[in-house]
């Protein structure tokens, strides 16, 4: 109790009363007293294409109302990655054409049921072609591939399982990109202790914790993804979430050099870029033709942080989810040339069917 007595003595000396206080990490979130120029942004400098969004009722929802909401943040076009397959693609395409043909693109998804049946890969590729003919302009692969997708014998289907090759080849043949989410942040596989940078996220979302046998090591999943990229050189791939290398941009650069058909998007990882402004500026400038704008969860109020990180030179401003990033953000101050490529030019180049006339040259 020596420390407590000293504290009480100090408090009495200064005429104050000091009350013992306990606080956990989750609760400690003091407002900054730093006084620096601030340039909050609610609309992007240029119209942008969100390559990574999820709308699961696009066949029936009010696209005019959604487009009006997009206007508020200057989103020129939304790519809906949750298009499904078959009738859901057809319904979404019909709704888009009837109401907002220049504002939405839909990607198809693969149904992995019955992988391992004779001719499954060829049938899946044929369905993808039918979805393309119905209006799909890309393929989205969810992280369930590699995690939970099983074949007819109950075995894990690896991302690079050769039985899936007809799907990747069909995308190359049709000229449509594959936006693929593989694994999760590497820290989810690390010990859940004080040295884990994702400790708060794992504490608040314990179901995200992984082990080397649940289902396999992180490195295995990532290598499986890269094996697909290397095997199918005629297909363009977009690795979601900077391929989970936003915290190691030097290594990500080596991967992009090694695999010319690999592209990346920044959905849900802007916090990684915002804590390393000089390195991130250099990386995005060097690889300006390979990075696309994405957000993932469609929450209009959260886009402002993305705009501020990419466009301004602001210092030490907050991210909107503490459990994703307890640190502060810094602006990268990207040039207009780089911003245009990330915001829309790279998406226009990779995704067929986008009306380029709706965006600046």
Foldseek 3Di string as FASTA:
>chain_A
DVVVVVVQVVQVVVVHGDDDDDDDPVPDADDDPDDDDDDFAQAFPFAFEAQAEADQQLLDDDVVVVVVLSVRRRHQAYEHQNQEFDPSLLSNLVSCVVHPVQHYAYAYEFDLAAQPPVCPQVVRLVRNVVSVVSGHFAHEAEQCQQQPRAHPVRHRHALQRVSNVSNQQSQLVVLGAYEYEHADALLLAPDLDPPRQLNLVCVVVVVSRAHCPSPHHPVRNLVSVLVSLVVRLSHAYEYEQLSNCLQPLVVSVVSCVVRVSYAYENAPPLVSCFVPQVVNQVSLVVPLLRYAYHHHYDDSVQCSVVSQQAAHQDPFAPHPDCSSPVGGGGHNNHDPVSCCSHRHVNCPVRTPDHDCVSTDD
